Amino acid sequence: MKKNFPLQAEGKHPERVLEAVKHDIRKYFKRERNRDLPKGVDFWDFDCKVGPSAATAQVVRVGGVIEAVDAAAKTGAASVYVEIMSKHGMRVLKAQGLEGEEG
């Protein structure tokens, strides 16, 4: 999803517009996570960018997308650009530490 969301709409309260934007983002994450996984893939991962425009968008983690949209709204921006690209995720097992063992 690559979309420029307006944060100000004529005749609508800005807080309601912001809540609608956040709802659309959460709905997209849910829809993408419910897609069937290809063979050999553990989960859906996402590359996310948020900013005032596509050229100035900053990379953010998945859990920080909503906070970044809130921060953009608090600056008084007229719109916010959100880019979310799904990708295949593979779990990486952490190696067991050899703490306490002498060898």
PDB file of N, CA and C in Angstrom:
ATOM      1  N   MET A   1       0.853  -1.166   0.000  1.00  0.00           N
ATOM      2  CA  MET A   1       0.000   0.000   0.000  1.00  0.00           C
ATOM      3  C   MET A   1       0.900   1.231   0.000  1.00  0.00           C
ATOM      4  N   LYS A   2       0.689   2.073  -0.938  1.00  0.00           N
ATOM      5  CA  LYS A   2       1.357   3.369  -1.007  1.00  0.00           C
ATOM      6  C   LYS A   2       0.242   4.383  -1.138  1.00  0.00           C
ATOM      7  N   LYS A   3       0.031   5.166  -0.078  1.00  0.00           N
ATOM      8  CA  LYS A   3      -1.118   6.061  -0.108  1.00  0.00           C
ATOM      9  C   LYS A   3      -0.820   7.348   0.647  1.00  0.00           C
ATOM     10  N   ASN A   4      -1.341   8.440   0.130  1.00  0.00           N
ATOM     11  CA  ASN A   4      -1.252   9.740   0.771  1.00  0.00           C
ATOM     12  C   ASN A   4      -2.621  10.024   1.398  1.00  0.00           C
ATOM     13  N   PHE A   5      -2.693   9.983   2.727  1.00  0.00           N
ATOM     14  CA  PHE A   5      -3.952  10.184   3.437  1.00  0.00           C
ATOM     15  C   PHE A   5      -4.133  11.655   3.791  1.00  0.00           C
ATOM     16  N   PRO A   6      -5.250  12.283   3.420  1.00  0.00           N
ATOM     17  CA  PRO A   6      -5.522  13.654   3.873  1.00  0.00           C
ATOM     18  C   PRO A   6      -5.902  13.633   5.350  1.00  0.00           C
ATOM     19  N   LEU A   7      -5.371  14.562   6.113  1.00  0.00           N
ATOM     20  CA  LEU A   7      -5.672  14.643   7.546  1.00  0.00           C
ATOM     21  C   LEU A   7      -6.687  15.723   7.858  1.00  0.00           C
ATOM     22  N   GLN A   8      -7.050  16.501   6.861  1.00  0.00           N
ATOM     23  CA  GLN A   8      -8.044  17.554   7.049  1.00  0.00           C
ATOM     24  C   GLN A   8      -9.079  17.433   5.934  1.00  0.00           C
ATOM     25  N   ALA A   9     -10.337  17.307   6.342  1.00  0.00           N
ATOM     26  CA  ALA A   9     -11.421  17.223   5.363  1.00  0.00           C
ATOM     27  C   ALA A   9     -12.482  18.252   5.739  1.00  0.00           C
ATOM     28  N   GLU A  10     -12.984  18.931   4.744  1.00  0.00           N
ATOM     29  CA  GLU A  10     -13.988  19.968   4.986  1.00  0.00           C
ATOM     30  C   GLU A  10     -15.260  19.338   5.550  1.00  0.00           C
ATOM     31  N   GLY A  11     -15.744  19.910   6.636  1.00  0.00           N
ATOM     32  CA  GLY A  11     -16.973  19.435   7.258  1.00  0.00           C
ATOM     33  C   GLY A  11     -16.784  18.254   8.196  1.00  0.00           C
ATOM     34  N   LYS A  12     -15.542  17.813   8.399  1.00  0.00           N
ATOM     35  CA  LYS A  12     -15.287  16.686   9.297  1.00  0.00           C
ATOM     36  C   LYS A  12     -14.305  17.116  10.376  1.00  0.00           C
ATOM     37  N   HIS A  13     -14.512  16.572  11.570  1.00  0.00           N
ATOM     38  CA  HIS A  13     -13.628  16.888  12.688  1.00  0.00           C
ATOM     39  C   HIS A  13     -12.275  16.208  12.448  1.00  0.00           C
ATOM     40  N   PRO A  14     -11.162  16.924  12.653  1.00  0.00           N
ATOM     41  CA  PRO A  14      -9.831  16.353  12.373  1.00  0.00           C
ATOM     42  C   PRO A  14      -9.538  15.060  13.139  1.00  0.00           C
ATOM     43  N   GLU A  15     -10.051  14.957  14.366  1.00  0.00           N
ATOM     44  CA  GLU A  15      -9.802  13.735  15.141  1.00  0.00           C
ATOM     45  C   GLU A  15     -10.491  12.534  14.506  1.00  0.00           C
ATOM     46  N   ARG A  16     -11.662  12.724  13.931  1.00  0.00           N
ATOM     47  CA  ARG A  16     -12.384  11.625  13.274  1.00  0.00           C
ATOM     48  C   ARG A  16     -11.689  11.216  11.980  1.00  0.00           C
ATOM     49  N   VAL A  17     -11.143  12.188  11.273  1.00  0.00           N
ATOM     50  CA  VAL A  17     -10.393  11.888  10.046  1.00  0.00           C
ATOM     51  C   VAL A  17      -9.150  11.074  10.397  1.00  0.00           C
ATOM     52  N   LEU A  18      -8.459  11.460  11.467  1.00  0.00           N
ATOM     53  CA  LEU A  18      -7.270  10.741  11.911  1.00  0.00           C
ATOM     54  C   LEU A  18      -7.622   9.308  12.319  1.00  0.00           C
ATOM     55  N   GLU A  19      -8.718   9.136  13.036  1.00  0.00           N
ATOM     56  CA  GLU A  19      -9.149   7.789  13.438  1.00  0.00           C
ATOM     57  C   GLU A  19      -9.486   6.936  12.217  1.00  0.00           C
ATOM     58  N   ALA A  20     -10.068   7.521  11.178  1.00  0.00           N
ATOM     59  CA  ALA A  20     -10.382   6.792   9.954  1.00  0.00           C
ATOM     60  C   ALA A  20      -9.103   6.345   9.242  1.00  0.00           C
ATOM     61  N   VAL A  21      -8.084   7.198   9.242  1.00  0.00           N
ATOM     62  CA  VAL A  21      -6.799   6.851   8.637  1.00  0.00           C
ATOM     63  C   VAL A  21      -6.175   5.679   9.384  1.00  0.00           C
ATOM     64  N   LYS A  22      -6.164   5.752  10.717  1.00  0.00           N
ATOM     65  CA  LYS A  22      -5.580   4.673  11.517  1.00  0.00           C
ATOM     66  C   LYS A  22      -6.363   3.376  11.328  1.00  0.00           C
ATOM     67  N   HIS A  23      -7.677   3.478  11.186  1.00  0.00           N
ATOM     68  CA  HIS A  23      -8.500   2.293  10.959  1.00  0.00           C
ATOM     69  C   HIS A  23      -8.135   1.630   9.628  1.00  0.00           C
ATOM     70  N   ASP A  24      -7.946   2.433   8.582  1.00  0.00           N
ATOM     71  CA  ASP A  24      -7.564   1.894   7.276  1.00  0.00           C
ATOM     72  C   ASP A  24      -6.209   1.182   7.341  1.00  0.00           C
ATOM     73  N   ILE A  25      -5.267   1.738   8.092  1.00  0.00           N
ATOM     74  CA  ILE A  25      -3.938   1.130   8.225  1.00  0.00           C
ATOM     75  C   ILE A  25      -4.045  -0.206   8.963  1.00  0.00           C
ATOM     76  N   ARG A  26      -4.776  -0.224  10.068  1.00  0.00           N
ATOM     77  CA  ARG A  26      -4.941  -1.474  10.822  1.00  0.00           C
ATOM     78  C   ARG A  26      -5.662  -2.526   9.987  1.00  0.00           C
ATOM     79  N   LYS A  27      -6.659  -2.107   9.216  1.00  0.00           N
ATOM     80  CA  LYS A  27      -7.414  -3.021   8.363  1.00  0.00           C
ATOM     81  C   LYS A  27      -6.492  -3.627   7.297  1.00  0.00           C
ATOM     82  N   TYR A  28      -5.581  -2.828   6.750  1.00  0.00           N
ATOM     83  CA  TYR A  28      -4.645  -3.331   5.750  1.00  0.00           C
ATOM     84  C   TYR A  28      -3.712  -4.371   6.364  1.00  0.00           C
ATOM     85  N   PHE A  29      -3.159  -4.079   7.552  1.00  0.00           N
ATOM     86  CA  PHE A  29      -2.293  -5.045   8.230  1.00  0.00           C
ATOM     87  C   PHE A  29      -3.041  -6.359   8.464  1.00  0.00           C
ATOM     88  N   LYS A  30      -4.264  -6.283   8.947  1.00  0.00           N
ATOM     89  CA  LYS A  30      -5.044  -7.488   9.231  1.00  0.00           C
ATOM     90  C   LYS A  30      -5.309  -8.281   7.960  1.00  0.00           C
ATOM     91  N   ARG A  31      -5.684  -7.602   6.883  1.00  0.00           N
ATOM     92  CA  ARG A  31      -5.967  -8.272   5.620  1.00  0.00           C
ATOM     93  C   ARG A  31      -4.717  -8.972   5.081  1.00  0.00           C
ATOM     94  N   GLU A  32      -3.569  -8.307   5.164  1.00  0.00           N
ATOM     95  CA  GLU A  32      -2.333  -8.903   4.664  1.00  0.00           C
ATOM     96  C   GLU A  32      -1.890 -10.089   5.521  1.00  0.00           C
ATOM     97  N   ARG A  33      -2.044  -9.986   6.824  1.00  0.00           N
ATOM     98  CA  ARG A  33      -1.643 -11.082   7.717  1.00  0.00           C
ATOM     99  C   ARG A  33      -2.532 -12.310   7.557  1.00  0.00           C
ATOM    100  N   ASN A  34      -3.767 -12.138   7.097  1.00  0.00           N
ATOM    101  CA  ASN A  34      -4.683 -13.263   6.914  1.00  0.00           C
ATOM    102  C   ASN A  34      -4.511 -13.963   5.568  1.00  0.00           C
ATOM    103  N   ARG A  35      -3.671 -13.446   4.702  1.00  0.00           N
ATOM    104  CA  ARG A  35      -3.412 -14.116   3.426  1.00  0.00           C
ATOM    105  C   ARG A  35      -2.707 -15.438   3.676  1.00  0.00           C
ATOM    106  N   ASP A  36      -2.884 -16.386   2.760  1.00  0.00           N
ATOM    107  CA  ASP A  36      -2.208 -17.675   2.875  1.00  0.00           C
ATOM    108  C   ASP A  36      -0.701 -17.486   2.732  1.00  0.00           C
ATOM    109  N   LEU A  37       0.048 -18.215   3.565  1.00  0.00           N
ATOM    110  CA  LEU A  37       1.500 -18.142   3.516  1.00  0.00           C
ATOM    111  C   LEU A  37       2.037 -19.092   2.457  1.00  0.00           C
ATOM    112  N   PRO A  38       3.023 -18.660   1.676  1.00  0.00           N
ATOM    113  CA  PRO A  38       3.662 -19.575   0.737  1.00  0.00           C
ATOM    114  C   PRO A  38       4.439 -20.658   1.497  1.00  0.00           C
ATOM    115  N   LYS A  39       4.710 -21.748   0.837  1.00  0.00           N
ATOM    116  CA  LYS A  39       5.443 -22.843   1.462  1.00  0.00           C
ATOM    117  C   LYS A  39       6.845 -22.369   1.873  1.00  0.00           C
ATOM    118  N   GLY A  40       7.237 -22.683   3.096  1.00  0.00           N
ATOM    119  CA  GLY A  40       8.559 -22.318   3.594  1.00  0.00           C
ATOM    120  C   GLY A  40       8.625 -20.946   4.249  1.00  0.00           C
ATOM    121  N   VAL A  41       7.497 -20.262   4.374  1.00  0.00           N
ATOM    122  CA  VAL A  41       7.456 -18.928   4.978  1.00  0.00           C
ATOM    123  C   VAL A  41       6.746 -19.034   6.319  1.00  0.00           C
ATOM    124  N   ASP A  42       7.291 -18.383   7.354  1.00  0.00           N
ATOM    125  CA  ASP A  42       6.731 -18.474   8.701  1.00  0.00           C
ATOM    126  C   ASP A  42       5.662 -17.422   8.989  1.00  0.00           C
ATOM    127  N   PHE A  43       5.819 -16.214   8.458  1.00  0.00           N
ATOM    128  CA  PHE A  43       4.872 -15.136   8.742  1.00  0.00           C
ATOM    129  C   PHE A  43       5.034 -14.034   7.701  1.00  0.00           C
ATOM    130  N   TRP A  44       4.077 -13.110   7.697  1.00  0.00           N
ATOM    131  CA  TRP A  44       4.175 -11.936   6.834  1.00  0.00           C
ATOM    132  C   TRP A  44       4.894 -10.837   7.593  1.00  0.00           C
ATOM    133  N   ASP A  45       5.910 -10.260   6.989  1.00  0.00           N
ATOM    134  CA  ASP A  45       6.641  -9.138   7.561  1.00  0.00           C
ATOM    135  C   ASP A  45       6.356  -7.923   6.684  1.00  0.00           C
ATOM    136  N   PHE A  46       6.653  -6.723   7.199  1.00  0.00           N
ATOM    137  CA  PHE A  46       6.313  -5.500   6.474  1.00  0.00           C
ATOM    138  C   PHE A  46       7.471  -4.506   6.503  1.00  0.00           C
ATOM    139  N   ASP A  47       7.673  -3.832   5.382  1.00  0.00           N
ATOM    140  CA  ASP A  47       8.563  -2.673   5.290  1.00  0.00           C
ATOM    141  C   ASP A  47       7.660  -1.449   5.304  1.00  0.00           C
ATOM    142  N   CYS A  48       7.878  -0.542   6.259  1.00  0.00           N
ATOM    143  CA  CYS A  48       6.978   0.595   6.435  1.00  0.00           C
ATOM    144  C   CYS A  48       7.737   1.917   6.369  1.00  0.00           C
ATOM    145  N   LYS A  49       7.099   2.904   5.757  1.00  0.00           N
ATOM    146  CA  LYS A  49       7.607   4.275   5.712  1.00  0.00           C
ATOM    147  C   LYS A  49       6.443   5.215   5.973  1.00  0.00           C
ATOM    148  N   VAL A  50       6.704   6.274   6.742  1.00  0.00           N
ATOM    149  CA  VAL A  50       5.681   7.278   7.031  1.00  0.00           C
ATOM    150  C   VAL A  50       6.343   8.650   6.976  1.00  0.00           C
ATOM    151  N   GLY A  51       5.639   9.621   6.394  1.00  0.00           N
ATOM    152  CA  GLY A  51       6.161  10.975   6.338  1.00  0.00           C
ATOM    153  C   GLY A  51       5.171  11.920   5.699  1.00  0.00           C
ATOM    154  N   PRO A  52       5.530  13.190   5.632  1.00  0.00           N
ATOM    155  CA  PRO A  52       4.644  14.177   5.027  1.00  0.00           C
ATOM    156  C   PRO A  52       4.472  13.982   3.521  1.00  0.00           C
ATOM    157  N   SER A  53       5.473  13.383   2.868  1.00  0.00           N
ATOM    158  CA  SER A  53       5.377  13.101   1.430  1.00  0.00           C
ATOM    159  C   SER A  53       6.201  11.855   1.131  1.00  0.00           C
ATOM    160  N   ALA A  54       6.071  11.336  -0.075  1.00  0.00           N
ATOM    161  CA  ALA A  54       6.796  10.123  -0.452  1.00  0.00           C
ATOM    162  C   ALA A  54       8.310  10.351  -0.445  1.00  0.00           C
ATOM    163  N   ALA A  55       8.741  11.551  -0.805  1.00  0.00           N
ATOM    164  CA  ALA A  55      10.170  11.853  -0.873  1.00  0.00           C
ATOM    165  C   ALA A  55      10.804  11.984   0.513  1.00  0.00           C
ATOM    166  N   THR A  56      10.029  12.386   1.504  1.00  0.00           N
ATOM    167  CA  THR A  56      10.587  12.616   2.842  1.00  0.00           C
ATOM    168  C   THR A  56      10.145  11.563   3.851  1.00  0.00           C
ATOM    169  N   ALA A  57       9.558  10.464   3.393  1.00  0.00           N
ATOM    170  CA  ALA A  57       9.078   9.424   4.306  1.00  0.00           C
ATOM    171  C   ALA A  57      10.248   8.734   4.995  1.00  0.00           C
ATOM    172  N   GLN A  58      10.082   8.471   6.273  1.00  0.00           N
ATOM    173  CA  GLN A  58      11.101   7.817   7.094  1.00  0.00           C
ATOM    174  C   GLN A  58      10.713   6.360   7.321  1.00  0.00           C
ATOM    175  N   VAL A  59      11.695   5.482   7.392  1.00  0.00           N
ATOM    176  CA  VAL A  59      11.449   4.073   7.673  1.00  0.00           C
ATOM    177  C   VAL A  59      11.069   3.935   9.143  1.00  0.00           C
ATOM    178  N   VAL A  60       9.975   3.209   9.402  1.00  0.00           N
ATOM    179  CA  VAL A  60       9.536   2.950  10.773  1.00  0.00           C
ATOM    180  C   VAL A  60       9.227   1.463  10.913  1.00  0.00           C
ATOM    181  N   ARG A  61       9.252   0.983  12.131  1.00  0.00           N
ATOM    182  CA  ARG A  61       8.913  -0.419  12.382  1.00  0.00           C
ATOM    183  C   ARG A  61       7.397  -0.567  12.324  1.00  0.00           C
ATOM    184  N   VAL A  62       6.932  -1.795  12.232  1.00  0.00           N
ATOM    185  CA  VAL A  62       5.502  -2.048  12.093  1.00  0.00           C
ATOM    186  C   VAL A  62       4.723  -1.471  13.265  1.00  0.00           C
ATOM    187  N   GLY A  63       5.217  -1.661  14.473  1.00  0.00           N
ATOM    188  CA  GLY A  63       4.524  -1.159  15.659  1.00  0.00           C
ATOM    189  C   GLY A  63       4.547   0.353  15.795  1.00  0.00           C
ATOM    190  N   GLY A  64       5.363   1.035  15.006  1.00  0.00           N
ATOM    191  CA  GLY A  64       5.483   2.482  15.108  1.00  0.00           C
ATOM    192  C   GLY A  64       4.742   3.259  14.034  1.00  0.00           C
ATOM    193  N   VAL A  65       4.019   2.568  13.173  1.00  0.00           N
ATOM    194  CA  VAL A  65       3.323   3.251  12.068  1.00  0.00           C
ATOM    195  C   VAL A  65       2.238   4.171  12.606  1.00  0.00           C
ATOM    196  N   ILE A  66       1.415   3.663  13.516  1.00  0.00           N
ATOM    197  CA  ILE A  66       0.315   4.471  14.063  1.00  0.00           C
ATOM    198  C   ILE A  66       0.861   5.664  14.839  1.00  0.00           C
ATOM    199  N   GLU A  67       1.938   5.455  15.613  1.00  0.00           N
ATOM    200  CA  GLU A  67       2.540   6.558  16.364  1.00  0.00           C
ATOM    201  C   GLU A  67       3.113   7.618  15.423  1.00  0.00           C
ATOM    202  N   ALA A  68       3.687   7.179  14.301  1.00  0.00           N
ATOM    203  CA  ALA A  68       4.238   8.130  13.331  1.00  0.00           C
ATOM    204  C   ALA A  68       3.126   8.936  12.660  1.00  0.00           C
ATOM    205  N   VAL A  69       1.992   8.306  12.401  1.00  0.00           N
ATOM    206  CA  VAL A  69       0.850   9.031  11.828  1.00  0.00           C
ATOM    207  C   VAL A  69       0.326  10.045  12.842  1.00  0.00           C
ATOM    208  N   ASP A  70       0.236   9.648  14.121  1.00  0.00           N
ATOM    209  CA  ASP A  70      -0.175  10.580  15.179  1.00  0.00           C
ATOM    210  C   ASP A  70       0.772  11.772  15.258  1.00  0.00           C
ATOM    211  N   ALA A  71       2.069  11.499  15.188  1.00  0.00           N
ATOM    212  CA  ALA A  71       3.061  12.576  15.264  1.00  0.00           C
ATOM    213  C   ALA A  71       2.909  13.533  14.082  1.00  0.00           C
ATOM    214  N   ALA A  72       2.652  13.001  12.898  1.00  0.00           N
ATOM    215  CA  ALA A  72       2.454  13.856  11.721  1.00  0.00           C
ATOM    216  C   ALA A  72       1.205  14.712  11.883  1.00  0.00           C
ATOM    217  N   ALA A  73       0.165  14.144  12.470  1.00  0.00           N
ATOM    218  CA  ALA A  73      -1.079  14.899  12.667  1.00  0.00           C
ATOM    219  C   ALA A  73      -0.880  16.019  13.684  1.00  0.00           C
ATOM    220  N   LYS A  74      -0.055  15.780  14.699  1.00  0.00           N
ATOM    221  CA  LYS A  74       0.185  16.796  15.734  1.00  0.00           C
ATOM    222  C   LYS A  74       0.982  17.976  15.198  1.00  0.00           C
ATOM    223  N   THR A  75       1.734  17.765  14.120  1.00  0.00           N
ATOM    224  CA  THR A  75       2.490  18.875  13.540  1.00  0.00           C
ATOM    225  C   THR A  75       1.604  19.788  12.708  1.00  0.00           C
ATOM    226  N   GLY A  76       0.356  19.360  12.467  1.00  0.00           N
ATOM    227  CA  GLY A  76      -0.571  20.180  11.698  1.00  0.00           C
ATOM    228  C   GLY A  76      -0.473  19.965  10.201  1.00  0.00           C
ATOM    229  N   ALA A  77       0.107  18.852   9.797  1.00  0.00           N
ATOM    230  CA  ALA A  77       0.246  18.561   8.367  1.00  0.00           C
ATOM    231  C   ALA A  77      -1.129  18.351   7.725  1.00  0.00           C
ATOM    232  N   ALA A  78      -1.245  18.710   6.460  1.00  0.00           N
ATOM    233  CA  ALA A  78      -2.511  18.545   5.748  1.00  0.00           C
ATOM    234  C   ALA A  78      -2.724  17.106   5.311  1.00  0.00           C
ATOM    235  N   SER A  79      -1.620  16.357   5.140  1.00  0.00           N
ATOM    236  CA  SER A  79      -1.723  14.962   4.740  1.00  0.00           C
ATOM    237  C   SER A  79      -0.499  14.201   5.228  1.00  0.00           C
ATOM    238  N   VAL A  80      -0.599  12.872   5.188  1.00  0.00           N
ATOM    239  CA  VAL A  80       0.515  12.015   5.596  1.00  0.00           C
ATOM    240  C   VAL A  80       0.631  10.878   4.583  1.00  0.00           C
ATOM    241  N   TYR A  81       1.873  10.581   4.198  1.00  0.00           N
ATOM    242  CA  TYR A  81       2.151   9.507   3.249  1.00  0.00           C
ATOM    243  C   TYR A  81       2.493   8.249   4.043  1.00  0.00           C
ATOM    244  N   VAL A  82       1.839   7.130   3.701  1.00  0.00           N
ATOM    245  CA  VAL A  82       2.091   5.854   4.362  1.00  0.00           C
ATOM    246  C   VAL A  82       2.389   4.824   3.286  1.00  0.00           C
ATOM    247  N   GLU A  83       3.506   4.130   3.453  1.00  0.00           N
ATOM    248  CA  GLU A  83       3.889   3.055   2.535  1.00  0.00           C
ATOM    249  C   GLU A  83       4.102   1.794   3.357  1.00  0.00           C
ATOM    250  N   ILE A  84       3.357   0.742   3.027  1.00  0.00           N
ATOM    251  CA  ILE A  84       3.483  -0.539   3.722  1.00  0.00           C
ATOM    252  C   ILE A  84       3.603  -1.616   2.650  1.00  0.00           C
ATOM    253  N   MET A  85       4.728  -2.294   2.625  1.00  0.00           N
ATOM    254  CA  MET A  85       4.975  -3.349   1.653  1.00  0.00           C
ATOM    255  C   MET A  85       5.175  -4.664   2.393  1.00  0.00           C
ATOM    256  N   SER A  86       4.383  -5.666   2.048  1.00  0.00           N
ATOM    257  CA  SER A  86       4.503  -6.961   2.718  1.00  0.00           C
ATOM    258  C   SER A  86       5.632  -7.766   2.089  1.00  0.00           C
ATOM    259  N   LYS A  87       6.249  -8.601   2.923  1.00  0.00           N
ATOM    260  CA  LYS A  87       7.326  -9.478   2.457  1.00  0.00           C
ATOM    261  C   LYS A  87       7.288 -10.755   3.288  1.00  0.00           C
ATOM    262  N   HIS A  88       7.990 -11.761   2.830  1.00  0.00           N
ATOM    263  CA  HIS A  88       8.032 -13.029   3.539  1.00  0.00           C
ATOM    264  C   HIS A  88       8.948 -12.915   4.753  1.00  0.00           C
ATOM    265  N   GLY A  89       8.514 -13.492   5.870  1.00  0.00           N
ATOM    266  CA  GLY A  89       9.313 -13.469   7.084  1.00  0.00           C
ATOM    267  C   GLY A  89       9.679 -14.881   7.512  1.00  0.00           C
ATOM    268  N   MET A  90      10.918 -15.051   7.922  1.00  0.00           N
ATOM    269  CA  MET A  90      11.400 -16.343   8.413  1.00  0.00           C
ATOM    270  C   MET A  90      11.873 -16.171   9.851  1.00  0.00           C
ATOM    271  N   ARG A  91      11.434 -17.066  10.710  1.00  0.00           N
ATOM    272  CA  ARG A  91      11.865 -17.020  12.107  1.00  0.00           C
ATOM    273  C   ARG A  91      13.325 -17.469  12.197  1.00  0.00           C
ATOM    274  N   VAL A  92      14.097 -16.751  13.001  1.00  0.00           N
ATOM    275  CA  VAL A  92      15.492 -17.092  13.224  1.00  0.00           C
ATOM    276  C   VAL A  92      15.623 -17.520  14.672  1.00  0.00           C
ATOM    277  N   LEU A  93      16.038 -18.760  14.871  1.00  0.00           N
ATOM    278  CA  LEU A  93      16.199 -19.268  16.227  1.00  0.00           C
ATOM    279  C   LEU A  93      17.492 -18.736  16.807  1.00  0.00           C
ATOM    280  N   LYS A  94      17.404 -18.266  18.041  1.00  0.00           N
ATOM    281  CA  LYS A  94      18.595 -17.772  18.713  1.00  0.00           C
ATOM    282  C   LYS A  94      19.405 -18.963  19.211  1.00  0.00           C
ATOM    283  N   ALA A  95      20.706 -18.880  19.068  1.00  0.00           N
ATOM    284  CA  ALA A  95      21.574 -19.962  19.524  1.00  0.00           C
ATOM    285  C   ALA A  95      21.594 -19.992  21.052  1.00  0.00           C
ATOM    286  N   GLN A  96      21.553 -21.184  21.606  1.00  0.00           N
ATOM    287  CA  GLN A  96      21.618 -21.326  23.066  1.00  0.00           C
ATOM    288  C   GLN A  96      23.022 -20.929  23.527  1.00  0.00           C
ATOM    289  N   GLY A  97      23.060 -20.052  24.515  1.00  0.00           N
ATOM    290  CA  GLY A  97      24.345 -19.616  25.066  1.00  0.00           C
ATOM    291  C   GLY A  97      24.987 -20.725  25.869  1.00  0.00           C
ATOM    292  N   LEU A  98      26.283 -20.710  25.907  1.00  0.00           N
ATOM    293  CA  LEU A  98      27.035 -21.721  26.660  1.00  0.00           C
ATOM    294  C   LEU A  98      27.437 -21.169  28.018  1.00  0.00           C
ATOM    295  N   GLU A  99      26.610 -20.312  28.580  1.00  0.00           N
ATOM    296  CA  GLU A  99      26.920 -19.708  29.863  1.00  0.00           C
ATOM    297  C   GLU A  99      26.905 -20.766  30.961  1.00  0.00           C
ATOM    298  N   GLY A 100      27.859 -20.678  31.847  1.00  0.00           N
ATOM    299  CA  GLY A 100      27.904 -21.588  32.995  1.00  0.00           C
ATOM    300  C   GLY A 100      28.579 -22.915  32.666  1.00  0.00           C
ATOM    301  N   GLU A 101      28.872 -23.166  31.429  1.00  0.00           N
ATOM    302  CA  GLU A 101      29.530 -24.405  31.047  1.00  0.00           C
ATOM    303  C   GLU A 101      31.005 -24.121  30.849  1.00  0.00           C
ATOM    304  N   GLU A 102      31.803 -25.043  31.329  1.00  0.00           N
ATOM    305  CA  GLU A 102      33.244 -24.898  31.136  1.00  0.00           C
ATOM    306  C   GLU A 102      33.681 -25.955  30.141  1.00  0.00           C
ATOM    307  N   GLY A 103      34.545 -25.600  29.259  1.00  0.00           N
ATOM    308  CA  GLY A 103      34.901 -26.564  28.231  1.00  0.00           C
ATOM    309  C   GLY A 103      36.294 -26.607  27.934  1.00  0.00           C
TER     310      GLY A 103
END
